[in-house]
Amino acid sequence: MSEKAAVPVWVYVIFRRNPSSGHDKINVNESNDGPVFWNRRVIYVFCCSCHFDTHEPKLRSILEKSAPQVERVCLVDRPVDYPFLPDSFFTFLCTKLSNLQFVYLRELDLEKVNRGTVAILSQHKKLKKLIVHGCRNYDVFQDFHGLPQLLVVKGEILGLKAMIGDVDIDSKSGSLDQSTSSYSGSQLSSDDHQKHRSSHSPIMVNSD
């Protein structure tokens, strides 16, 4: 196995709002410059919500190519758009990515997620944390009390950027800002995982 194939993979999917011409194309960038990338591969996927039905096959292909190494997936939009993410995509995440440890969902309308999919997600052997941040229609995650990995966030929480790799979107340009956070997947929530595993209800955090 090559060194590249052996390291963990983090995937950030950024949905652009009011994009310029060419927004119907999906763009993929892989960063490997600097100390933060010495022990992981970080893949950035830029696409638009209005063409997600055509983007989804390629996005799945990107994830499948590195499926055994994918440890975290962040799906980020701003502002909250219509519910363009189908339940089938979430089913894909929890059934095809066997080593998935961390899922971060920001400003997404999660109306299409089915209760059955959440039940499957709750049985994922490696999942440590699922963060729902500023999302709409996420009740299905809270209704299912067997999902102790769930963390609902409202507002900005100190330390959250370190957990997700300090990813943000400039709401005007749709550009990506990133820091050189060296937070590793194993450091992320090994203690928190045990704490939340002992609880049978999801945690809500409100910074207001």
C-alpha atoms as a PDB file:
ATOM      1  CA  MET A   1       0.000   0.000   0.000  1.00  0.00           C
ATOM      2  CA  SER A   2       1.351   3.422  -0.935  1.00  0.00           C
ATOM      3  CA  GLU A   3       2.008   6.052   1.722  1.00  0.00           C
ATOM      4  CA  LYS A   4      -0.704   8.253   0.191  1.00  0.00           C
ATOM      5  CA  ALA A   5      -3.282   5.491   0.386  1.00  0.00           C
ATOM      6  CA  ALA A   6      -2.455   4.702   4.017  1.00  0.00           C
ATOM      7  CA  VAL A   7      -3.116   8.114   5.571  1.00  0.00           C
ATOM      8  CA  PRO A   8      -6.551   9.276   6.793  1.00  0.00           C
ATOM      9  CA  VAL A   9      -8.694  11.303   4.404  1.00  0.00           C
ATOM     10  CA  TRP A  10     -10.773  14.338   5.332  1.00  0.00           C
ATOM     11  CA  VAL A  11     -13.359  15.533   2.819  1.00  0.00           C
ATOM     12  CA  TYR A  12     -14.896  19.010   2.860  1.00  0.00           C
ATOM     13  CA  VAL A  13     -17.856  19.577   0.541  1.00  0.00           C
ATOM     14  CA  ILE A  14     -18.627  23.275   0.110  1.00  0.00           C
ATOM     15  CA  PHE A  15     -21.885  24.304  -1.526  1.00  0.00           C
ATOM     16  CA  ARG A  16     -21.753  27.696  -3.210  1.00  0.00           C
ATOM     17  CA  ARG A  17     -24.664  30.129  -3.175  1.00  0.00           C
ATOM     18  CA  ASN A  18     -25.260  32.646  -6.008  1.00  0.00           C
ATOM     19  CA  PRO A  19     -22.268  31.320  -7.919  1.00  0.00           C
ATOM     20  CA  SER A  20     -20.635  32.798 -10.977  1.00  0.00           C
ATOM     21  CA  SER A  21     -20.683  31.229 -14.427  1.00  0.00           C
ATOM     22  CA  GLY A  22     -19.601  27.617 -14.512  1.00  0.00           C
ATOM     23  CA  HIS A  23     -21.310  26.771 -11.236  1.00  0.00           C
ATOM     24  CA  ASP A  24     -22.731  23.668 -12.866  1.00  0.00           C
ATOM     25  CA  LYS A  25     -19.237  22.173 -12.714  1.00  0.00           C
ATOM     26  CA  ILE A  26     -17.874  20.330  -9.713  1.00  0.00           C
ATOM     27  CA  ASN A  27     -14.370  21.368  -8.667  1.00  0.00           C
ATOM     28  CA  VAL A  28     -12.040  19.177  -6.633  1.00  0.00           C
ATOM     29  CA  ASN A  29      -8.845  20.334  -4.940  1.00  0.00           C
ATOM     30  CA  GLU A  30      -6.490  18.283  -2.823  1.00  0.00           C
ATOM     31  CA  SER A  31      -4.197  20.095  -0.391  1.00  0.00           C
ATOM     32  CA  ASN A  32      -0.917  18.584   0.741  1.00  0.00           C
ATOM     33  CA  ASP A  33       1.217  21.610   1.528  1.00  0.00           C
ATOM     34  CA  GLY A  34       2.323  22.292   5.107  1.00  0.00           C
ATOM     35  CA  PRO A  35       2.642  20.334   8.375  1.00  0.00           C
ATOM     36  CA  VAL A  36      -1.116  19.919   8.805  1.00  0.00           C
ATOM     37  CA  PHE A  37      -1.194  17.702   5.716  1.00  0.00           C
ATOM     38  CA  TRP A  38       1.784  15.469   6.529  1.00  0.00           C
ATOM     39  CA  ASN A  39      -0.373  12.854   8.229  1.00  0.00           C
ATOM     40  CA  ARG A  40      -3.590  13.165   6.211  1.00  0.00           C
ATOM     41  CA  ARG A  41      -5.084  13.889   2.826  1.00  0.00           C
ATOM     42  CA  VAL A  42      -7.550  16.767   2.675  1.00  0.00           C
ATOM     43  CA  ILE A  43      -9.926  16.916  -0.276  1.00  0.00           C
ATOM     44  CA  TYR A  44     -12.060  19.989  -0.985  1.00  0.00           C
ATOM     45  CA  VAL A  45     -15.085  19.575  -3.242  1.00  0.00           C
ATOM     46  CA  PHE A  46     -16.856  22.712  -4.482  1.00  0.00           C
ATOM     47  CA  CYS A  47     -20.299  22.332  -6.023  1.00  0.00           C
ATOM     48  CA  CYS A  48     -23.690  24.023  -6.109  1.00  0.00           C
ATOM     49  CA  SER A  49     -26.968  22.985  -4.569  1.00  0.00           C
ATOM     50  CA  CYS A  50     -29.032  23.555  -7.703  1.00  0.00           C
ATOM     51  CA  HIS A  51     -27.026  20.947  -9.628  1.00  0.00           C
ATOM     52  CA  PHE A  52     -26.528  18.441  -6.825  1.00  0.00           C
ATOM     53  CA  ASP A  53     -28.471  15.760  -8.669  1.00  0.00           C
ATOM     54  CA  THR A  54     -25.762  15.814 -11.352  1.00  0.00           C
ATOM     55  CA  HIS A  55     -22.904  16.349  -8.870  1.00  0.00           C
ATOM     56  CA  GLU A  56     -23.854  13.446  -6.597  1.00  0.00           C
ATOM     57  CA  PRO A  57     -22.481  10.591  -8.769  1.00  0.00           C
ATOM     58  CA  LYS A  58     -19.056  12.240  -9.010  1.00  0.00           C
ATOM     59  CA  LEU A  59     -19.061  13.114  -5.311  1.00  0.00           C
ATOM     60  CA  ARG A  60     -19.831   9.502  -4.456  1.00  0.00           C
ATOM     61  CA  SER A  61     -17.051   8.378  -6.782  1.00  0.00           C
ATOM     62  CA  ILE A  62     -14.567  10.683  -5.027  1.00  0.00           C
ATOM     63  CA  LEU A  63     -15.540   9.256  -1.652  1.00  0.00           C
ATOM     64  CA  GLU A  64     -15.541   5.657  -2.855  1.00  0.00           C
ATOM     65  CA  LYS A  65     -11.996   5.922  -4.224  1.00  0.00           C
ATOM     66  CA  SER A  66     -10.723   6.579  -0.704  1.00  0.00           C
ATOM     67  CA  ALA A  67     -13.555   4.914   1.227  1.00  0.00           C
ATOM     68  CA  PRO A  68     -11.408   2.847   3.652  1.00  0.00           C
ATOM     69  CA  GLN A  69      -9.388   5.951   4.595  1.00  0.00           C
ATOM     70  CA  VAL A  70     -12.193   8.530   4.857  1.00  0.00           C
ATOM     71  CA  GLU A  71     -12.452   9.498   8.532  1.00  0.00           C
ATOM     72  CA  ARG A  72     -14.367  12.747   8.356  1.00  0.00           C
ATOM     73  CA  VAL A  73     -16.839  14.403   6.035  1.00  0.00           C
ATOM     74  CA  CYS A  74     -17.919  18.032   6.382  1.00  0.00           C
ATOM     75  CA  LEU A  75     -20.877  19.305   4.344  1.00  0.00           C
ATOM     76  CA  VAL A  76     -21.049  23.090   4.503  1.00  0.00           C
ATOM     77  CA  ASP A  77     -23.527  25.578   3.073  1.00  0.00           C
ATOM     78  CA  ARG A  78     -24.330  29.226   3.825  1.00  0.00           C
ATOM     79  CA  PRO A  79     -27.001  30.435   4.108  1.00  0.00           C
ATOM     80  CA  VAL A  80     -29.454  27.581   4.607  1.00  0.00           C
ATOM     81  CA  ASP A  81     -30.768  26.484   1.210  1.00  0.00           C
ATOM     82  CA  TYR A  82     -33.659  24.244   0.204  1.00  0.00           C
ATOM     83  CA  PRO A  83     -33.391  20.488   1.049  1.00  0.00           C
ATOM     84  CA  PHE A  84     -31.319  19.428  -1.952  1.00  0.00           C
ATOM     85  CA  LEU A  85     -29.447  16.604  -0.196  1.00  0.00           C
ATOM     86  CA  PRO A  86     -31.340  13.324  -0.719  1.00  0.00           C
ATOM     87  CA  ASP A  87     -31.640  10.658   1.944  1.00  0.00           C
ATOM     88  CA  SER A  88     -29.735   8.303  -0.359  1.00  0.00           C
ATOM     89  CA  PHE A  89     -26.585  10.383   0.089  1.00  0.00           C
ATOM     90  CA  PHE A  90     -26.716  10.063   3.874  1.00  0.00           C
ATOM     91  CA  THR A  91     -27.357   6.343   3.488  1.00  0.00           C
ATOM     92  CA  PHE A  92     -24.217   6.197   1.355  1.00  0.00           C
ATOM     93  CA  LEU A  93     -22.181   7.938   4.069  1.00  0.00           C
ATOM     94  CA  CYS A  94     -23.200   5.533   6.810  1.00  0.00           C
ATOM     95  CA  THR A  95     -23.023   2.313   4.782  1.00  0.00           C
ATOM     96  CA  LYS A  96     -20.050   2.792   2.445  1.00  0.00           C
ATOM     97  CA  LEU A  97     -17.565   4.672   4.657  1.00  0.00           C
ATOM     98  CA  SER A  98     -16.689   2.028   7.237  1.00  0.00           C
ATOM     99  CA  ASN A  99     -14.060   4.144   9.017  1.00  0.00           C
ATOM    100  CA  LEU A 100     -16.064   7.360   9.165  1.00  0.00           C
ATOM    101  CA  GLN A 101     -15.484   8.972  12.565  1.00  0.00           C
ATOM    102  CA  PHE A 102     -16.768  12.508  12.221  1.00  0.00           C
ATOM    103  CA  VAL A 103     -19.595  14.175  10.281  1.00  0.00           C
ATOM    104  CA  TYR A 104     -20.144  17.931  10.325  1.00  0.00           C
ATOM    105  CA  LEU A 105     -23.291  19.433   8.770  1.00  0.00           C
ATOM    106  CA  ARG A 106     -23.570  23.221   8.614  1.00  0.00           C
ATOM    107  CA  GLU A 107     -26.531  25.319   7.499  1.00  0.00           C
ATOM    108  CA  LEU A 108     -28.230  22.523   5.580  1.00  0.00           C
ATOM    109  CA  ASP A 109     -31.921  21.732   5.284  1.00  0.00           C
ATOM    110  CA  LEU A 110     -32.098  18.097   6.398  1.00  0.00           C
ATOM    111  CA  GLU A 111     -35.770  17.543   5.665  1.00  0.00           C
ATOM    112  CA  LYS A 112     -35.147  14.557   3.369  1.00  0.00           C
ATOM    113  CA  VAL A 113     -33.222  12.477   5.904  1.00  0.00           C
ATOM    114  CA  ASN A 114     -35.269   9.432   6.919  1.00  0.00           C
ATOM    115  CA  ARG A 115     -35.550   8.001  10.406  1.00  0.00           C
ATOM    116  CA  GLY A 116     -34.384   4.636   9.089  1.00  0.00           C
ATOM    117  CA  THR A 117     -31.157   6.219   7.867  1.00  0.00           C
ATOM    118  CA  VAL A 118     -30.527   7.743  11.293  1.00  0.00           C
ATOM    119  CA  ALA A 119     -31.067   4.300  12.816  1.00  0.00           C
ATOM    120  CA  ILE A 120     -28.395   2.874  10.509  1.00  0.00           C
ATOM    121  CA  LEU A 121     -26.090   5.758  11.369  1.00  0.00           C
ATOM    122  CA  SER A 122     -26.492   5.090  15.085  1.00  0.00           C
ATOM    123  CA  GLN A 123     -25.088   1.592  14.547  1.00  0.00           C
ATOM    124  CA  HIS A 124     -21.944   2.802  12.763  1.00  0.00           C
ATOM    125  CA  LYS A 125     -19.046   1.174  14.593  1.00  0.00           C
ATOM    126  CA  LYS A 126     -16.525   3.989  14.138  1.00  0.00           C
ATOM    127  CA  LEU A 127     -18.638   7.154  14.272  1.00  0.00           C
ATOM    128  CA  LYS A 128     -17.616   9.359  17.206  1.00  0.00           C
ATOM    129  CA  LYS A 129     -19.393  12.618  16.484  1.00  0.00           C
ATOM    130  CA  LEU A 130     -22.131  14.007  14.269  1.00  0.00           C
ATOM    131  CA  ILE A 131     -22.390  17.781  14.569  1.00  0.00           C
ATOM    132  CA  VAL A 132     -25.496  19.556  13.280  1.00  0.00           C
ATOM    133  CA  HIS A 133     -24.651  23.265  13.152  1.00  0.00           C
ATOM    134  CA  GLY A 134     -27.248  25.879  12.269  1.00  0.00           C
ATOM    135  CA  CYS A 135     -29.270  23.392  10.223  1.00  0.00           C
ATOM    136  CA  ARG A 136     -32.984  23.293   9.481  1.00  0.00           C
ATOM    137  CA  ASN A 137     -35.382  20.336   9.845  1.00  0.00           C
ATOM    138  CA  TYR A 138     -32.956  18.195  11.848  1.00  0.00           C
ATOM    139  CA  ASP A 139     -35.682  16.859  14.160  1.00  0.00           C
ATOM    140  CA  VAL A 140     -35.234  13.317  12.885  1.00  0.00           C
ATOM    141  CA  PHE A 141     -31.766  13.235  14.451  1.00  0.00           C
ATOM    142  CA  GLN A 142     -33.075  14.406  17.827  1.00  0.00           C
ATOM    143  CA  ASP A 143     -36.140  12.172  17.773  1.00  0.00           C
ATOM    144  CA  PHE A 144     -33.930   9.116  17.522  1.00  0.00           C
ATOM    145  CA  HIS A 145     -32.551   8.815  21.061  1.00  0.00           C
ATOM    146  CA  GLY A 146     -30.171   6.039  20.077  1.00  0.00           C
ATOM    147  CA  LEU A 147     -27.799   8.523  18.452  1.00  0.00           C
ATOM    148  CA  PRO A 148     -25.515   9.564  21.346  1.00  0.00           C
ATOM    149  CA  GLN A 149     -22.934  10.814  18.839  1.00  0.00           C
ATOM    150  CA  LEU A 150     -25.188  13.777  17.991  1.00  0.00           C
ATOM    151  CA  LEU A 151     -24.204  17.316  18.943  1.00  0.00           C
ATOM    152  CA  VAL A 152     -26.545  20.147  17.943  1.00  0.00           C
ATOM    153  CA  VAL A 153     -24.852  23.541  17.781  1.00  0.00           C
ATOM    154  CA  LYS A 154     -26.466  26.959  17.572  1.00  0.00           C
ATOM    155  CA  GLY A 155     -24.154  29.939  17.184  1.00  0.00           C
ATOM    156  CA  GLU A 156     -20.363  29.713  17.299  1.00  0.00           C
ATOM    157  CA  ILE A 157     -18.747  27.518  19.945  1.00  0.00           C
ATOM    158  CA  LEU A 158     -15.188  27.961  21.219  1.00  0.00           C
ATOM    159  CA  GLY A 159     -13.066  25.060  20.027  1.00  0.00           C
ATOM    160  CA  LEU A 160     -15.424  24.039  17.228  1.00  0.00           C
ATOM    161  CA  LYS A 161     -13.116  25.346  14.504  1.00  0.00           C
ATOM    162  CA  ALA A 162     -10.272  23.249  15.878  1.00  0.00           C
ATOM    163  CA  MET A 163     -12.494  20.194  15.718  1.00  0.00           C
ATOM    164  CA  ILE A 164     -13.514  20.657  12.085  1.00  0.00           C
ATOM    165  CA  GLY A 165     -10.224  22.038  10.764  1.00  0.00           C
ATOM    166  CA  ASP A 166     -11.219  25.730  10.871  1.00  0.00           C
ATOM    167  CA  VAL A 167     -13.174  25.756   7.625  1.00  0.00           C
ATOM    168  CA  ASP A 168     -15.298  28.762   6.814  1.00  0.00           C
ATOM    169  CA  ILE A 169     -16.972  30.275   3.788  1.00  0.00           C
ATOM    170  CA  ASP A 170     -16.946  33.920   2.868  1.00  0.00           C
ATOM    171  CA  SER A 171     -20.634  34.486   2.184  1.00  0.00           C
ATOM    172  CA  LYS A 172     -19.908  36.936  -0.611  1.00  0.00           C
ATOM    173  CA  SER A 173     -17.194  35.219  -2.578  1.00  0.00           C
ATOM    174  CA  GLY A 174     -17.856  31.590  -1.726  1.00  0.00           C
ATOM    175  CA  SER A 175     -14.146  31.200  -1.055  1.00  0.00           C
ATOM    176  CA  LEU A 176     -12.660  28.807   1.459  1.00  0.00           C
ATOM    177  CA  ASP A 177     -10.621  29.911   4.450  1.00  0.00           C
ATOM    178  CA  GLN A 178      -8.517  27.327   6.237  1.00  0.00           C
ATOM    179  CA  SER A 179      -6.030  27.275   9.079  1.00  0.00           C
ATOM    180  CA  THR A 180      -3.219  24.870   9.843  1.00  0.00           C
ATOM    181  CA  SER A 181      -4.935  23.196  12.735  1.00  0.00           C
ATOM    182  CA  SER A 182      -3.131  19.978  13.634  1.00  0.00           C
ATOM    183  CA  TYR A 183      -6.087  18.368  15.392  1.00  0.00           C
ATOM    184  CA  SER A 184      -6.014  14.678  14.566  1.00  0.00           C
ATOM    185  CA  GLY A 185      -8.970  12.369  14.203  1.00  0.00           C
ATOM    186  CA  SER A 186      -7.945  10.368  17.261  1.00  0.00           C
ATOM    187  CA  GLN A 187      -7.620  13.498  19.411  1.00  0.00           C
ATOM    188  CA  LEU A 188     -10.906  14.866  18.201  1.00  0.00           C
ATOM    189  CA  SER A 189     -13.328  13.178  20.523  1.00  0.00           C
ATOM    190  CA  SER A 190     -11.944  10.063  22.133  1.00  0.00           C
ATOM    191  CA  ASP A 191     -12.984  11.351  25.563  1.00  0.00           C
ATOM    192  CA  ASP A 192     -16.154  13.012  24.304  1.00  0.00           C
ATOM    193  CA  HIS A 193     -17.132   9.826  22.524  1.00  0.00           C
ATOM    194  CA  GLN A 194     -17.134   7.884  25.775  1.00  0.00           C
ATOM    195  CA  LYS A 195     -19.026  10.650  27.532  1.00  0.00           C
ATOM    196  CA  HIS A 196     -21.744  10.850  24.893  1.00  0.00           C
ATOM    197  CA  ARG A 197     -21.910   7.077  24.557  1.00  0.00           C
ATOM    198  CA  SER A 198     -22.951   6.930  28.208  1.00  0.00           C
ATOM    199  CA  SER A 199     -25.868   9.253  27.494  1.00  0.00           C
ATOM    200  CA  HIS A 200     -29.024   8.154  25.703  1.00  0.00           C
ATOM    201  CA  SER A 201     -30.071  11.579  24.466  1.00  0.00           C
ATOM    202  CA  PRO A 202     -28.449  14.017  22.049  1.00  0.00           C
ATOM    203  CA  ILE A 203     -26.637  17.088  23.314  1.00  0.00           C
ATOM    204  CA  MET A 204     -27.651  20.606  22.336  1.00  0.00           C
ATOM    205  CA  VAL A 205     -25.248  23.502  22.674  1.00  0.00           C
ATOM    206  CA  ASN A 206     -26.405  27.087  22.354  1.00  0.00           C
ATOM    207  CA  SER A 207     -23.875  29.882  22.551  1.00  0.00           C
ATOM    208  CA  ASP A 208     -26.498  32.588  22.886  1.00  0.00           C
END
